[in-house]
Protein backbone atom coordinates (compact mmCIF):
# COMPACT_ATOMS: atom_id res chain seq x y z
CA UNK A 1 31.80 24.79 -1.36
CA UNK A 2 29.96 26.75 1.33
CA UNK A 3 28.24 25.44 4.40
CA UNK A 4 24.90 26.98 2.95
CA UNK A 5 25.23 25.00 -0.41
CA UNK A 6 26.22 21.78 1.55
CA UNK A 7 23.28 22.17 3.76
CA UNK A 8 20.98 22.82 0.68
CA UNK A 9 22.09 19.73 -1.10
CA UNK A 10 21.70 17.64 2.18
CA UNK A 11 18.26 18.89 2.60
CA UNK A 12 17.27 18.03 -0.99
CA UNK A 13 18.73 14.34 -0.73
CA UNK A 14 17.03 14.07 2.62
CA UNK A 15 13.55 15.04 1.29
CA UNK A 16 14.02 12.54 -1.72
CA UNK A 17 15.00 9.86 0.77
CA UNK A 18 11.93 10.53 2.80
CA UNK A 19 9.87 10.21 -0.42
CA UNK A 20 11.40 7.10 -1.53
CA UNK A 21 10.94 5.63 1.94
CA UNK A 22 7.38 6.77 1.87
CA UNK A 23 6.63 5.25 -1.32
CA UNK A 24 8.51 1.96 -0.38
CA UNK A 25 6.32 1.42 2.62
CA UNK A 26 3.12 2.06 0.74
CA UNK A 27 4.27 -0.36 -2.01
CA UNK A 28 4.96 -3.18 0.45
CA UNK A 29 1.94 -2.60 2.86
CA UNK A 30 -0.67 -2.26 0.00
CA UNK A 31 0.82 -5.18 -2.12
CA UNK A 32 0.61 -7.49 0.97
CA UNK A 33 -2.96 -6.59 1.47
CA UNK A 34 -4.00 -6.94 -2.09
CA UNK A 35 -1.97 -10.43 -2.50
CA UNK A 36 -3.18 -11.68 0.86
CA UNK A 37 -6.84 -11.20 -0.23
CA UNK A 38 -8.63 -14.70 -0.48
CA UNK A 39 -9.40 -15.57 -3.99
CA UNK A 40 -12.62 -17.30 -5.23
CA UNK A 41 -13.48 -15.56 -8.46
CA UNK A 42 -10.73 -12.77 -7.96
CA UNK A 43 -13.21 -9.88 -7.59
CA UNK A 44 -12.30 -9.06 -4.15
CA UNK A 45 -8.46 -8.74 -5.19
CA UNK A 46 -9.62 -6.75 -8.34
CA UNK A 47 -11.57 -4.47 -6.24
CA UNK A 48 -8.63 -2.92 -4.18
CA UNK A 49 -8.48 0.66 -5.42
CA UNK A 50 -5.68 3.20 -4.63
CA UNK A 51 -6.37 7.11 -4.63
CA UNK A 52 -4.75 10.08 -3.15
CA UNK A 53 -6.52 13.07 -1.53
CA UNK A 54 -9.89 11.04 -0.99
CA UNK A 55 -10.94 7.40 -0.66
CA UNK A 56 -12.77 5.70 -3.53
CA UNK A 57 -16.37 4.90 -2.87
CA UNK A 58 -17.50 2.78 -5.51
CA UNK A 59 -16.59 -0.69 -6.81
CA UNK A 60 -15.06 -1.83 -10.18
CA UNK A 61 -15.64 -4.81 -12.24
CA UNK A 62 -12.16 -6.17 -12.48
CA UNK A 63 -10.74 -9.57 -11.30
CA UNK A 64 -7.49 -10.66 -10.09
CA UNK A 65 -4.54 -8.59 -8.51
CA UNK A 66 -3.01 -7.38 -11.61
CA UNK A 67 -5.01 -4.44 -12.26
CA UNK A 68 -5.03 -3.59 -8.38
CA UNK A 69 -1.48 -3.73 -8.29
CA UNK A 70 -0.85 -1.76 -11.48
CA UNK A 71 -3.19 0.90 -10.32
CA UNK A 72 -1.65 0.96 -6.86
CA UNK A 73 1.94 1.33 -8.30
CA UNK A 74 0.67 4.43 -10.41
CA UNK A 75 -1.33 6.10 -7.63
CA UNK A 76 0.98 5.83 -4.60
CA UNK A 77 1.60 9.32 -4.00
CA UNK A 78 4.29 10.50 -1.84
CA UNK A 79 4.57 13.12 0.78
CA UNK A 80 2.16 15.29 -0.68
CA UNK A 81 -1.13 13.80 0.38
CA UNK A 82 -2.76 10.89 1.99
CA UNK A 83 -2.97 7.66 -0.16
CA UNK A 84 -5.85 5.32 0.39
CA UNK A 85 -6.23 1.72 -0.34
CA UNK A 86 -9.90 0.83 -0.27
CA UNK A 87 -12.06 -2.20 -1.25
CA UNK A 88 -15.99 -1.35 -1.15
CA UNK A 89 -17.20 -4.88 -1.85
CA UNK A 90 -20.03 -5.61 0.68
CA UNK A 91 -18.23 -8.75 1.73
CA UNK A 92 -14.86 -7.47 2.15
CA UNK A 93 -15.16 -7.04 5.96
CA UNK A 94 -16.40 -10.71 6.11
CA UNK A 95 -13.23 -12.00 4.14
CA UNK A 96 -11.18 -9.99 6.66
CA UNK A 97 -12.54 -12.04 9.44
CA UNK A 98 -12.01 -15.48 7.82
CA UNK A 99 -15.44 -16.02 6.08
CA UNK A 100 -14.07 -17.70 3.20
CA UNK A 101 -12.94 -21.08 2.47
CA UNK A 102 -10.07 -19.68 0.26
CA UNK A 103 -8.74 -17.70 3.26
CA UNK A 104 -5.27 -18.81 3.93
CA UNK A 105 -5.07 -17.35 7.48
CA UNK A 106 -7.77 -16.25 10.22
CA UNK A 107 -5.45 -13.13 10.48
CA UNK A 108 -7.09 -11.44 7.72
CA UNK A 109 -5.34 -9.44 4.86
CA UNK A 110 -5.29 -6.02 6.61
CA UNK A 111 -4.72 -7.10 10.23
CA UNK A 112 -1.88 -9.41 9.01
CA UNK A 113 -0.14 -6.75 6.90
CA UNK A 114 -0.41 -3.86 9.65
CA UNK A 115 0.89 -6.30 12.18
CA UNK A 116 4.21 -6.13 10.39
CA UNK A 117 4.39 -2.31 9.76
CA UNK A 118 7.39 -1.89 11.96
CA UNK A 119 9.28 -4.56 9.92
CA UNK A 120 8.01 -2.64 6.52
CA UNK A 121 8.99 0.74 7.63
CA UNK A 122 12.53 -0.50 8.90
CA UNK A 123 13.32 -2.33 5.74
CA UNK A 124 12.17 0.81 3.85
CA UNK A 125 14.65 3.00 5.74
CA UNK A 126 17.55 0.50 5.34
CA UNK A 127 16.93 0.35 1.47
CA UNK A 128 16.29 4.01 0.77
CA UNK A 129 18.07 6.21 3.25
CA UNK A 130 20.88 8.49 2.17
């Protein structure tokens, strides 16, 4: 084996590890947001939409977390672009700030999950490093 081929293999393995880490961070962060969204009819959870390249600008008629989670898993993207998690319901901001009987926490679903971003990143690094 040559130094050049060793370096090439290390480079490929490192890039693959960074890709896995990036996807793991997005998966945990986005799942947390979706699952922490208060539920009355399930419409708010169902309207979380994942896209790459540009944020979605519409709403969808789906209810509950399952469809949002499935879309998210299939649309995470990796290092090749920005991944967006959007919810365009007119009352989503009010839910974030606790204007819901169903809200489990006054910390919201976005603020609560972003507050733990360092833990999410560290866990992903620990699990997916080369």
